[in-house]
Amino acid sequence: MDLENQLSPNALDAEAIEAIARRIDRPIVLVGLMGVGKTTVGRRLSGLLNTEFTDTDEAIEDAAQLTIPEIFEQFGEEYFRDGERRVIARLIENETGGGVIATGGGAFCNDETRALILRSTIVIWIDCDIETLVERTSRRTNRPLLEGGDPREILTRLREQREPFYSQAHIRIGSENGPHQEAVLAIIKAIDQWL
């Protein structure tokens, strides 16, 4: 499918997106709670910008040869966060130009990880209302932090705890219960203004 067919009539045209992409000189890192759409939006964003995409959860699973729930179960959250920090640092160091990296929901809450991300990348906080998050996270069973509790209560608590960290991102974009393409185009426009 060509670029023009992916865009709505009121969207940026392919030439404008290519011009913005040429100005991006560092990785774009997506942060936010589980379920906001970081992976889906990240894949589409990297496609429009014609750059690489990496999901840190997938990179961690590849490196550990375990799933995220298995890592949490066998070693605990602290061990997972340490591995996550090292993987994110490696991804940022290996990315010399653009590139889109979707992080896990808690990655940006680690002081060392957050400092590295803020210093070396363009940070996009994808935000979303709790009801949409509850609906989206119910579609997947690999959410260790949601096990054994009420997802609405857990997500509300996580949002309150993590908002002070997420609010340090360079750009904040809303991801409503609609097409992710709208969030992708909003990110591209926001990056254009931020650069």
N, C-alpha and C. Protein backbone atom coordinates (compact mmCIF):
# COMPACT_ATOMS: atom_id res chain seq x y z
N MET A 1 0.85 -1.18 0.00
CA MET A 1 0.00 0.00 0.00
C MET A 1 0.89 1.24 0.00
N ASP A 2 0.61 2.18 -0.86
CA ASP A 2 1.45 3.37 -0.89
C ASP A 2 1.03 4.36 0.19
N LEU A 3 1.91 5.30 0.48
CA LEU A 3 1.73 6.25 1.56
C LEU A 3 0.46 7.07 1.41
N GLU A 4 0.16 7.51 0.21
CA GLU A 4 -1.01 8.36 0.00
C GLU A 4 -2.30 7.65 0.41
N ASN A 5 -2.40 6.34 0.18
CA ASN A 5 -3.61 5.61 0.52
C ASN A 5 -3.75 5.35 2.02
N GLN A 6 -2.68 5.55 2.80
CA GLN A 6 -2.75 5.35 4.24
C GLN A 6 -3.28 6.59 4.96
N LEU A 7 -3.30 7.71 4.29
CA LEU A 7 -3.63 8.98 4.93
C LEU A 7 -5.06 9.42 4.63
N SER A 8 -5.66 10.09 5.61
CA SER A 8 -6.98 10.65 5.39
C SER A 8 -6.84 11.92 4.55
N PRO A 9 -7.94 12.40 3.94
CA PRO A 9 -7.86 13.57 3.06
C PRO A 9 -7.33 14.83 3.75
N ASN A 10 -7.55 14.97 5.06
CA ASN A 10 -7.12 16.17 5.77
C ASN A 10 -5.75 16.02 6.41
N ALA A 11 -5.09 14.90 6.16
CA ALA A 11 -3.81 14.61 6.80
C ALA A 11 -2.66 15.28 6.07
N LEU A 12 -1.50 15.17 6.68
CA LEU A 12 -0.28 15.62 6.02
C LEU A 12 -0.07 14.80 4.75
N ASP A 13 0.46 15.41 3.71
CA ASP A 13 0.74 14.61 2.51
C ASP A 13 2.10 13.94 2.65
N ALA A 14 2.37 13.02 1.75
CA ALA A 14 3.60 12.22 1.82
C ALA A 14 4.84 13.10 1.77
N GLU A 15 4.82 14.13 0.97
CA GLU A 15 5.98 15.02 0.86
C GLU A 15 6.25 15.74 2.18
N ALA A 16 5.20 16.19 2.84
CA ALA A 16 5.36 16.88 4.14
C ALA A 16 5.91 15.91 5.18
N ILE A 17 5.42 14.69 5.20
CA ILE A 17 5.90 13.69 6.16
C ILE A 17 7.37 13.37 5.89
N GLU A 18 7.74 13.22 4.62
CA GLU A 18 9.14 12.95 4.28
C GLU A 18 10.05 14.10 4.71
N ALA A 19 9.57 15.33 4.57
CA ALA A 19 10.37 16.49 4.98
C ALA A 19 10.56 16.50 6.50
N ILE A 20 9.53 16.16 7.24
CA ILE A 20 9.65 16.09 8.70
C ILE A 20 10.60 14.96 9.08
N ALA A 21 10.46 13.81 8.43
CA ALA A 21 11.31 12.65 8.73
C ALA A 21 12.79 12.98 8.53
N ARG A 22 13.11 13.77 7.52
CA ARG A 22 14.51 14.13 7.26
C ARG A 22 15.09 15.00 8.39
N ARG A 23 14.24 15.70 9.11
CA ARG A 23 14.70 16.58 10.20
C ARG A 23 14.90 15.83 11.52
N ILE A 24 14.40 14.63 11.63
CA ILE A 24 14.50 13.87 12.87
C ILE A 24 15.89 13.25 12.95
N ASP A 25 16.64 13.65 13.97
CA ASP A 25 18.04 13.24 14.09
C ASP A 25 18.33 12.33 15.27
N ARG A 26 17.27 11.82 15.90
CA ARG A 26 17.43 10.93 17.06
C ARG A 26 16.21 10.03 17.14
N PRO A 27 16.30 8.97 17.92
CA PRO A 27 15.14 8.07 18.03
C PRO A 27 13.93 8.76 18.66
N ILE A 28 12.77 8.25 18.32
CA ILE A 28 11.52 8.66 18.93
C ILE A 28 11.14 7.55 19.90
N VAL A 29 10.92 7.91 21.16
CA VAL A 29 10.55 6.92 22.18
C VAL A 29 9.14 7.20 22.65
N LEU A 30 8.31 6.15 22.59
CA LEU A 30 6.91 6.25 23.01
C LEU A 30 6.79 5.72 24.44
N VAL A 31 6.18 6.53 25.32
CA VAL A 31 5.97 6.14 26.71
C VAL A 31 4.49 6.27 27.02
N GLY A 32 4.06 5.61 28.08
CA GLY A 32 2.66 5.67 28.52
C GLY A 32 2.24 4.34 29.10
N LEU A 33 1.06 4.33 29.67
CA LEU A 33 0.54 3.13 30.31
C LEU A 33 0.32 2.00 29.32
N MET A 34 0.29 0.78 29.84
CA MET A 34 -0.07 -0.37 29.00
C MET A 34 -1.44 -0.11 28.40
N GLY A 35 -1.60 -0.45 27.13
CA GLY A 35 -2.89 -0.32 26.47
C GLY A 35 -3.12 0.99 25.73
N VAL A 36 -2.19 1.94 25.83
CA VAL A 36 -2.41 3.21 25.12
C VAL A 36 -2.16 3.07 23.62
N GLY A 37 -1.49 2.00 23.22
CA GLY A 37 -1.26 1.79 21.79
C GLY A 37 0.15 2.06 21.34
N LYS A 38 1.11 2.00 22.25
CA LYS A 38 2.50 2.33 21.89
C LYS A 38 3.03 1.45 20.76
N THR A 39 2.74 0.16 20.82
CA THR A 39 3.26 -0.75 19.79
C THR A 39 2.57 -0.52 18.46
N THR A 40 1.25 -0.47 18.46
CA THR A 40 0.50 -0.26 17.21
C THR A 40 0.83 1.09 16.59
N VAL A 41 0.80 2.13 17.41
CA VAL A 41 1.12 3.47 16.92
C VAL A 41 2.58 3.51 16.47
N GLY A 42 3.47 2.89 17.23
CA GLY A 42 4.89 2.89 16.88
C GLY A 42 5.16 2.24 15.54
N ARG A 43 4.52 1.10 15.29
CA ARG A 43 4.70 0.43 13.99
C ARG A 43 4.23 1.33 12.84
N ARG A 44 3.08 1.94 13.01
CA ARG A 44 2.55 2.81 11.94
C ARG A 44 3.39 4.07 11.78
N LEU A 45 3.83 4.62 12.89
CA LEU A 45 4.68 5.82 12.84
C LEU A 45 5.98 5.52 12.11
N SER A 46 6.61 4.40 12.45
CA SER A 46 7.87 4.06 11.79
C SER A 46 7.66 3.81 10.30
N GLY A 47 6.50 3.24 9.95
CA GLY A 47 6.19 3.02 8.54
C GLY A 47 6.08 4.33 7.77
N LEU A 48 5.37 5.30 8.35
CA LEU A 48 5.23 6.60 7.67
C LEU A 48 6.55 7.36 7.60
N LEU A 49 7.38 7.21 8.64
CA LEU A 49 8.67 7.90 8.65
C LEU A 49 9.76 7.12 7.94
N ASN A 50 9.42 5.91 7.48
CA ASN A 50 10.36 5.04 6.76
C ASN A 50 11.61 4.77 7.59
N THR A 51 11.37 4.30 8.82
CA THR A 51 12.47 4.01 9.74
C THR A 51 12.18 2.71 10.48
N GLU A 52 13.12 2.28 11.30
CA GLU A 52 12.99 1.02 12.05
C GLU A 52 12.05 1.20 13.24
N PHE A 53 11.44 0.09 13.66
CA PHE A 53 10.60 0.07 14.87
C PHE A 53 11.09 -1.04 15.78
N THR A 54 11.14 -0.73 17.08
CA THR A 54 11.49 -1.74 18.08
C THR A 54 10.53 -1.63 19.26
N ASP A 55 9.99 -2.75 19.67
CA ASP A 55 9.19 -2.83 20.89
C ASP A 55 10.12 -3.37 21.97
N THR A 56 10.33 -2.62 23.05
CA THR A 56 11.30 -3.04 24.06
C THR A 56 10.88 -4.33 24.75
N ASP A 57 9.58 -4.55 24.92
CA ASP A 57 9.13 -5.80 25.54
C ASP A 57 9.56 -7.00 24.68
N GLU A 58 9.41 -6.87 23.36
CA GLU A 58 9.84 -7.95 22.46
C GLU A 58 11.35 -8.13 22.51
N ALA A 59 12.09 -7.02 22.58
CA ALA A 59 13.55 -7.10 22.64
C ALA A 59 14.00 -7.75 23.95
N ILE A 60 13.30 -7.46 25.04
CA ILE A 60 13.63 -8.07 26.34
C ILE A 60 13.36 -9.56 26.29
N GLU A 61 12.20 -9.94 25.73
CA GLU A 61 11.88 -11.37 25.63
C GLU A 61 12.89 -12.11 24.77
N ASP A 62 13.33 -11.48 23.68
CA ASP A 62 14.35 -12.10 22.83
C ASP A 62 15.66 -12.29 23.59
N ALA A 63 16.06 -11.25 24.34
CA ALA A 63 17.33 -11.32 25.07
C ALA A 63 17.27 -12.34 26.20
N ALA A 64 16.15 -12.40 26.90
CA ALA A 64 16.02 -13.30 28.06
C ALA A 64 15.57 -14.71 27.68
N GLN A 65 15.04 -14.86 26.48
CA GLN A 65 14.46 -16.13 26.06
C GLN A 65 13.35 -16.58 27.02
N LEU A 66 12.63 -15.58 27.55
CA LEU A 66 11.48 -15.78 28.42
C LEU A 66 10.44 -14.73 28.08
N THR A 67 9.18 -15.01 28.38
CA THR A 67 8.13 -14.01 28.19
C THR A 67 8.19 -13.02 29.37
N ILE A 68 7.58 -11.87 29.19
CA ILE A 68 7.54 -10.88 30.27
C ILE A 68 6.88 -11.48 31.53
N PRO A 69 5.72 -12.15 31.41
CA PRO A 69 5.15 -12.77 32.62
C PRO A 69 6.09 -13.78 33.28
N GLU A 70 6.84 -14.55 32.49
CA GLU A 70 7.79 -15.50 33.06
C GLU A 70 8.92 -14.79 33.80
N ILE A 71 9.40 -13.68 33.25
CA ILE A 71 10.46 -12.91 33.92
C ILE A 71 9.95 -12.39 35.26
N PHE A 72 8.74 -11.80 35.26
CA PHE A 72 8.15 -11.29 36.50
C PHE A 72 8.00 -12.42 37.52
N GLU A 73 7.49 -13.55 37.06
CA GLU A 73 7.22 -14.68 37.97
C GLU A 73 8.52 -15.26 38.55
N GLN A 74 9.52 -15.45 37.71
CA GLN A 74 10.75 -16.10 38.15
C GLN A 74 11.72 -15.16 38.88
N PHE A 75 11.76 -13.89 38.48
CA PHE A 75 12.79 -13.00 39.00
C PHE A 75 12.26 -11.74 39.67
N GLY A 76 11.01 -11.38 39.43
CA GLY A 76 10.43 -10.18 40.04
C GLY A 76 10.54 -8.95 39.17
N GLU A 77 9.80 -7.92 39.59
CA GLU A 77 9.73 -6.69 38.80
C GLU A 77 11.06 -5.94 38.79
N GLU A 78 11.78 -5.91 39.92
CA GLU A 78 13.04 -5.16 39.97
C GLU A 78 14.05 -5.71 38.96
N TYR A 79 14.15 -7.02 38.86
CA TYR A 79 15.04 -7.67 37.90
C TYR A 79 14.61 -7.30 36.47
N PHE A 80 13.30 -7.35 36.22
CA PHE A 80 12.78 -6.99 34.90
C PHE A 80 13.14 -5.55 34.56
N ARG A 81 12.93 -4.61 35.50
CA ARG A 81 13.21 -3.19 35.23
C ARG A 81 14.69 -2.95 34.94
N ASP A 82 15.57 -3.67 35.61
CA ASP A 82 17.00 -3.53 35.35
C ASP A 82 17.34 -4.00 33.93
N GLY A 83 16.79 -5.14 33.54
CA GLY A 83 17.01 -5.63 32.18
C GLY A 83 16.40 -4.69 31.15
N GLU A 84 15.23 -4.16 31.46
CA GLU A 84 14.56 -3.21 30.57
C GLU A 84 15.43 -1.98 30.36
N ARG A 85 16.01 -1.46 31.44
CA ARG A 85 16.87 -0.27 31.34
C ARG A 85 18.06 -0.54 30.43
N ARG A 86 18.69 -1.72 30.59
CA ARG A 86 19.86 -2.05 29.78
C ARG A 86 19.48 -2.21 28.30
N VAL A 87 18.34 -2.83 28.03
CA VAL A 87 17.90 -3.01 26.64
C VAL A 87 17.60 -1.65 26.00
N ILE A 88 16.91 -0.77 26.73
CA ILE A 88 16.59 0.56 26.18
C ILE A 88 17.88 1.34 25.91
N ALA A 89 18.83 1.29 26.82
CA ALA A 89 20.11 1.99 26.61
C ALA A 89 20.80 1.48 25.35
N ARG A 90 20.80 0.16 25.17
CA ARG A 90 21.43 -0.43 23.98
C ARG A 90 20.71 0.01 22.71
N LEU A 91 19.38 0.01 22.74
CA LEU A 91 18.61 0.41 21.56
C LEU A 91 18.88 1.86 21.19
N ILE A 92 18.94 2.72 22.18
CA ILE A 92 19.19 4.15 21.92
C ILE A 92 20.61 4.35 21.39
N GLU A 93 21.57 3.68 21.99
CA GLU A 93 22.96 3.81 21.54
C GLU A 93 23.15 3.29 20.12
N ASN A 94 22.43 2.25 19.75
CA ASN A 94 22.57 1.66 18.41
C ASN A 94 21.82 2.44 17.34
N GLU A 95 20.95 3.35 17.74
CA GLU A 95 20.12 4.09 16.78
C GLU A 95 20.77 5.45 16.53
N THR A 96 21.42 5.61 15.39
CA THR A 96 22.16 6.84 15.12
C THR A 96 21.29 7.96 14.56
N GLY A 97 20.19 7.63 13.93
CA GLY A 97 19.32 8.67 13.38
C GLY A 97 17.95 8.56 13.98
N GLY A 98 16.97 8.31 13.12
CA GLY A 98 15.60 8.16 13.57
C GLY A 98 15.39 6.83 14.24
N GLY A 99 14.27 6.24 13.98
CA GLY A 99 13.91 4.99 14.63
C GLY A 99 12.84 5.27 15.66
N VAL A 100 11.94 4.33 15.84
CA VAL A 100 10.85 4.46 16.80
C VAL A 100 10.97 3.30 17.79
N ILE A 101 10.94 3.64 19.08
CA ILE A 101 11.05 2.65 20.14
C ILE A 101 9.83 2.76 21.05
N ALA A 102 9.08 1.67 21.18
CA ALA A 102 7.95 1.62 22.11
C ALA A 102 8.43 0.98 23.40
N THR A 103 8.27 1.67 24.52
CA THR A 103 8.72 1.15 25.80
C THR A 103 7.58 0.50 26.57
N GLY A 104 7.94 -0.29 27.57
CA GLY A 104 6.95 -0.82 28.49
C GLY A 104 6.40 0.31 29.36
N GLY A 105 5.23 0.10 29.92
CA GLY A 105 4.55 1.15 30.68
C GLY A 105 5.33 1.72 31.84
N GLY A 106 6.17 0.93 32.50
CA GLY A 106 6.91 1.40 33.66
C GLY A 106 8.32 1.87 33.38
N ALA A 107 8.78 1.72 32.16
CA ALA A 107 10.18 2.03 31.84
C ALA A 107 10.56 3.47 32.16
N PHE A 108 9.69 4.40 31.82
CA PHE A 108 10.00 5.82 31.97
C PHE A 108 9.97 6.26 33.43
N CYS A 109 9.51 5.39 34.33
CA CYS A 109 9.46 5.72 35.75
C CYS A 109 10.80 5.47 36.44
N ASN A 110 11.68 4.73 35.81
CA ASN A 110 13.02 4.49 36.34
C ASN A 110 13.87 5.74 36.10
N ASP A 111 14.44 6.31 37.17
CA ASP A 111 15.16 7.58 37.05
C ASP A 111 16.29 7.54 36.01
N GLU A 112 17.07 6.48 36.04
CA GLU A 112 18.20 6.37 35.12
C GLU A 112 17.72 6.21 33.67
N THR A 113 16.73 5.38 33.48
CA THR A 113 16.17 5.17 32.14
C THR A 113 15.56 6.46 31.61
N ARG A 114 14.77 7.14 32.47
CA ARG A 114 14.11 8.38 32.05
C ARG A 114 15.14 9.45 31.67
N ALA A 115 16.20 9.59 32.46
CA ALA A 115 17.24 10.59 32.14
C ALA A 115 17.88 10.30 30.79
N LEU A 116 18.19 9.05 30.53
CA LEU A 116 18.78 8.66 29.24
C LEU A 116 17.82 8.97 28.10
N ILE A 117 16.57 8.58 28.26
CA ILE A 117 15.58 8.78 27.20
C ILE A 117 15.38 10.28 26.94
N LEU A 118 15.24 11.07 27.99
CA LEU A 118 15.04 12.52 27.82
C LEU A 118 16.23 13.19 27.16
N ARG A 119 17.43 12.72 27.48
CA ARG A 119 18.66 13.33 26.96
C ARG A 119 18.91 12.97 25.49
N SER A 120 18.50 11.76 25.09
CA SER A 120 18.97 11.23 23.81
C SER A 120 17.89 11.02 22.75
N THR A 121 16.64 11.29 23.06
CA THR A 121 15.56 10.97 22.13
C THR A 121 14.49 12.06 22.11
N ILE A 122 13.52 11.87 21.26
CA ILE A 122 12.29 12.67 21.30
C ILE A 122 11.26 11.80 22.01
N VAL A 123 10.79 12.25 23.17
CA VAL A 123 9.89 11.44 23.99
C VAL A 123 8.44 11.85 23.77
N ILE A 124 7.63 10.87 23.40
CA ILE A 124 6.20 11.09 23.18
C ILE A 124 5.42 10.32 24.23
N TRP A 125 4.65 11.03 25.04
CA TRP A 125 3.74 10.40 26.00
C TRP A 125 2.40 10.21 25.29
N ILE A 126 2.02 8.95 25.10
CA ILE A 126 0.70 8.65 24.56
C ILE A 126 -0.21 8.43 25.76
N ASP A 127 -1.24 9.24 25.85
CA ASP A 127 -2.15 9.21 27.00
C ASP A 127 -3.53 8.74 26.54
N CYS A 128 -4.30 8.23 27.46
CA CYS A 128 -5.59 7.64 27.12
C CYS A 128 -6.46 7.61 28.38
N ASP A 129 -7.78 7.65 28.21
CA ASP A 129 -8.67 7.57 29.36
C ASP A 129 -8.71 6.14 29.90
N ILE A 130 -9.06 6.01 31.16
CA ILE A 130 -9.04 4.71 31.85
C ILE A 130 -10.01 3.72 31.22
N GLU A 131 -11.20 4.14 30.83
CA GLU A 131 -12.17 3.20 30.26
C GLU A 131 -11.63 2.55 28.99
N THR A 132 -10.98 3.34 28.15
CA THR A 132 -10.38 2.79 26.93
C THR A 132 -9.25 1.84 27.28
N LEU A 133 -8.44 2.19 28.29
CA LEU A 133 -7.35 1.31 28.71
C LEU A 133 -7.87 -0.03 29.22
N VAL A 134 -8.95 0.01 30.01
CA VAL A 134 -9.53 -1.23 30.54
C VAL A 134 -9.98 -2.12 29.38
N GLU A 135 -10.64 -1.52 28.40
CA GLU A 135 -11.13 -2.28 27.25
C GLU A 135 -9.96 -2.86 26.45
N ARG A 136 -8.94 -2.05 26.18
CA ARG A 136 -7.81 -2.51 25.37
C ARG A 136 -6.98 -3.57 26.09
N THR A 137 -6.73 -3.39 27.38
CA THR A 137 -5.88 -4.35 28.09
C THR A 137 -6.60 -5.68 28.31
N SER A 138 -7.90 -5.69 28.24
CA SER A 138 -8.65 -6.95 28.42
C SER A 138 -8.44 -7.90 27.24
N ARG A 139 -7.91 -7.39 26.14
CA ARG A 139 -7.70 -8.21 24.94
C ARG A 139 -6.45 -9.08 25.03
N ARG A 140 -5.56 -8.81 25.99
CA ARG A 140 -4.31 -9.56 26.09
C ARG A 140 -4.14 -10.11 27.49
N THR A 141 -3.51 -11.27 27.58
CA THR A 141 -3.35 -11.92 28.88
C THR A 141 -1.92 -11.80 29.42
N ASN A 142 -1.05 -11.10 28.74
CA ASN A 142 0.35 -11.02 29.19
C ASN A 142 0.64 -9.71 29.92
N ARG A 143 -0.22 -9.34 30.84
CA ARG A 143 -0.08 -8.10 31.61
C ARG A 143 0.11 -8.45 33.09
N PRO A 144 1.35 -8.73 33.52
CA PRO A 144 1.59 -9.19 34.88
C PRO A 144 1.06 -8.24 35.95
N LEU A 145 1.11 -6.94 35.71
CA LEU A 145 0.68 -5.99 36.73
C LEU A 145 -0.85 -5.97 36.91
N LEU A 146 -1.58 -6.57 35.98
CA LEU A 146 -3.04 -6.59 36.08
C LEU A 146 -3.58 -7.89 36.68
N GLU A 147 -2.69 -8.84 36.92
CA GLU A 147 -3.13 -10.12 37.44
C GLU A 147 -3.56 -10.00 38.91
N GLY A 148 -4.63 -10.68 39.25
CA GLY A 148 -5.06 -10.76 40.64
C GLY A 148 -5.70 -9.50 41.19
N GLY A 149 -6.30 -8.70 40.33
CA GLY A 149 -6.95 -7.49 40.83
C GLY A 149 -7.91 -6.93 39.81
N ASP A 150 -8.56 -5.84 40.20
CA ASP A 150 -9.51 -5.16 39.32
C ASP A 150 -8.72 -4.27 38.36
N PRO A 151 -8.76 -4.56 37.05
CA PRO A 151 -7.97 -3.78 36.09
C PRO A 151 -8.24 -2.28 36.15
N ARG A 152 -9.48 -1.88 36.35
CA ARG A 152 -9.81 -0.44 36.40
C ARG A 152 -9.10 0.22 37.59
N GLU A 153 -9.15 -0.44 38.74
CA GLU A 153 -8.51 0.11 39.94
C GLU A 153 -6.99 0.15 39.75
N ILE A 154 -6.42 -0.92 39.22
CA ILE A 154 -4.97 -1.00 39.04
C ILE A 154 -4.50 0.06 38.03
N LEU A 155 -5.20 0.17 36.91
CA LEU A 155 -4.81 1.15 35.89
C LEU A 155 -4.96 2.58 36.41
N THR A 156 -6.01 2.83 37.19
CA THR A 156 -6.20 4.17 37.77
C THR A 156 -5.05 4.49 38.72
N ARG A 157 -4.68 3.54 39.56
CA ARG A 157 -3.57 3.74 40.50
C ARG A 157 -2.26 3.95 39.76
N LEU A 158 -1.99 3.10 38.74
CA LEU A 158 -0.76 3.24 37.96
C LEU A 158 -0.69 4.60 37.27
N ARG A 159 -1.83 5.04 36.75
CA ARG A 159 -1.85 6.34 36.07
C ARG A 159 -1.49 7.46 37.04
N GLU A 160 -2.08 7.42 38.23
CA GLU A 160 -1.79 8.44 39.24
C GLU A 160 -0.31 8.40 39.65
N GLN A 161 0.24 7.20 39.82
CA GLN A 161 1.64 7.06 40.23
C GLN A 161 2.60 7.50 39.13
N ARG A 162 2.26 7.21 37.88
CA ARG A 162 3.20 7.42 36.78
C ARG A 162 3.05 8.75 36.06
N GLU A 163 1.93 9.43 36.25
CA GLU A 163 1.71 10.70 35.54
C GLU A 163 2.82 11.71 35.79
N PRO A 164 3.35 11.86 37.02
CA PRO A 164 4.45 12.82 37.20
C PRO A 164 5.68 12.50 36.34
N PHE A 165 5.91 11.23 36.06
CA PHE A 165 7.03 10.84 35.21
C PHE A 165 6.68 11.08 33.74
N TYR A 166 5.52 10.57 33.32
CA TYR A 166 5.11 10.73 31.92
C TYR A 166 5.03 12.20 31.53
N SER A 167 4.63 13.06 32.46
CA SER A 167 4.46 14.48 32.14
C SER A 167 5.78 15.17 31.80
N GLN A 168 6.91 14.50 32.04
CA GLN A 168 8.20 15.06 31.68
C GLN A 168 8.55 14.83 30.20
N ALA A 169 7.73 14.06 29.50
CA ALA A 169 7.96 13.81 28.07
C ALA A 169 7.95 15.12 27.30
N HIS A 170 8.63 15.14 26.18
CA HIS A 170 8.69 16.35 25.35
C HIS A 170 7.33 16.68 24.74
N ILE A 171 6.58 15.64 24.40
CA ILE A 171 5.30 15.81 23.69
C ILE A 171 4.27 14.87 24.32
N ARG A 172 3.03 15.36 24.44
CA ARG A 172 1.92 14.52 24.94
C ARG A 172 0.84 14.46 23.86
N ILE A 173 0.42 13.22 23.56
CA ILE A 173 -0.60 12.98 22.53
C ILE A 173 -1.70 12.11 23.13
N GLY A 174 -2.94 12.42 22.84
CA GLY A 174 -4.05 11.59 23.28
C GLY A 174 -4.32 10.48 22.28
N SER A 175 -4.64 9.29 22.79
CA SER A 175 -5.00 8.16 21.94
C SER A 175 -6.37 7.69 22.38
N GLU A 176 -7.38 8.12 21.67
CA GLU A 176 -8.74 7.78 22.04
C GLU A 176 -9.14 6.45 21.42
N ASN A 177 -10.34 6.03 21.69
CA ASN A 177 -10.83 4.74 21.19
C ASN A 177 -11.27 4.91 19.74
N GLY A 178 -10.34 5.23 18.89
CA GLY A 178 -10.59 5.41 17.47
C GLY A 178 -9.39 4.92 16.69
N PRO A 179 -9.30 5.28 15.43
CA PRO A 179 -8.17 4.83 14.61
C PRO A 179 -6.83 5.32 15.15
N HIS A 180 -5.88 4.40 15.26
CA HIS A 180 -4.54 4.77 15.74
C HIS A 180 -3.86 5.72 14.76
N GLN A 181 -4.30 5.72 13.51
CA GLN A 181 -3.70 6.59 12.50
C GLN A 181 -3.81 8.06 12.91
N GLU A 182 -4.89 8.42 13.62
CA GLU A 182 -5.03 9.80 14.08
C GLU A 182 -3.94 10.16 15.07
N ALA A 183 -3.62 9.25 15.98
CA ALA A 183 -2.54 9.49 16.94
C ALA A 183 -1.20 9.59 16.22
N VAL A 184 -0.99 8.75 15.20
CA VAL A 184 0.25 8.76 14.44
C VAL A 184 0.45 10.13 13.77
N LEU A 185 -0.57 10.61 13.11
CA LEU A 185 -0.46 11.91 12.43
C LEU A 185 -0.31 13.05 13.44
N ALA A 186 -0.98 12.94 14.59
CA ALA A 186 -0.82 13.96 15.64
C ALA A 186 0.62 13.98 16.13
N ILE A 187 1.24 12.81 16.26
CA ILE A 187 2.64 12.74 16.70
C ILE A 187 3.55 13.40 15.66
N ILE A 188 3.33 13.10 14.39
CA ILE A 188 4.18 13.69 13.35
C ILE A 188 4.05 15.21 13.35
N LYS A 189 2.83 15.72 13.46
CA LYS A 189 2.63 17.18 13.50
C LYS A 189 3.28 17.78 14.74
N ALA A 190 3.17 17.11 15.89
CA ALA A 190 3.76 17.62 17.13
C ALA A 190 5.28 17.63 17.05
N ILE A 191 5.85 16.59 16.46
CA ILE A 191 7.31 16.54 16.30
C ILE A 191 7.77 17.68 15.39
N ASP A 192 7.03 17.93 14.33
CA ASP A 192 7.36 19.03 13.42
C ASP A 192 7.41 20.35 14.17
N GLN A 193 6.44 20.57 15.06
CA GLN A 193 6.43 21.82 15.84
C GLN A 193 7.54 21.84 16.89
N TRP A 194 7.85 20.67 17.45
CA TRP A 194 8.84 20.60 18.53
C TRP A 194 10.27 20.79 18.02
N LEU A 195 10.56 20.29 16.80
CA LEU A 195 11.93 20.35 16.27
C LEU A 195 12.41 21.79 16.07
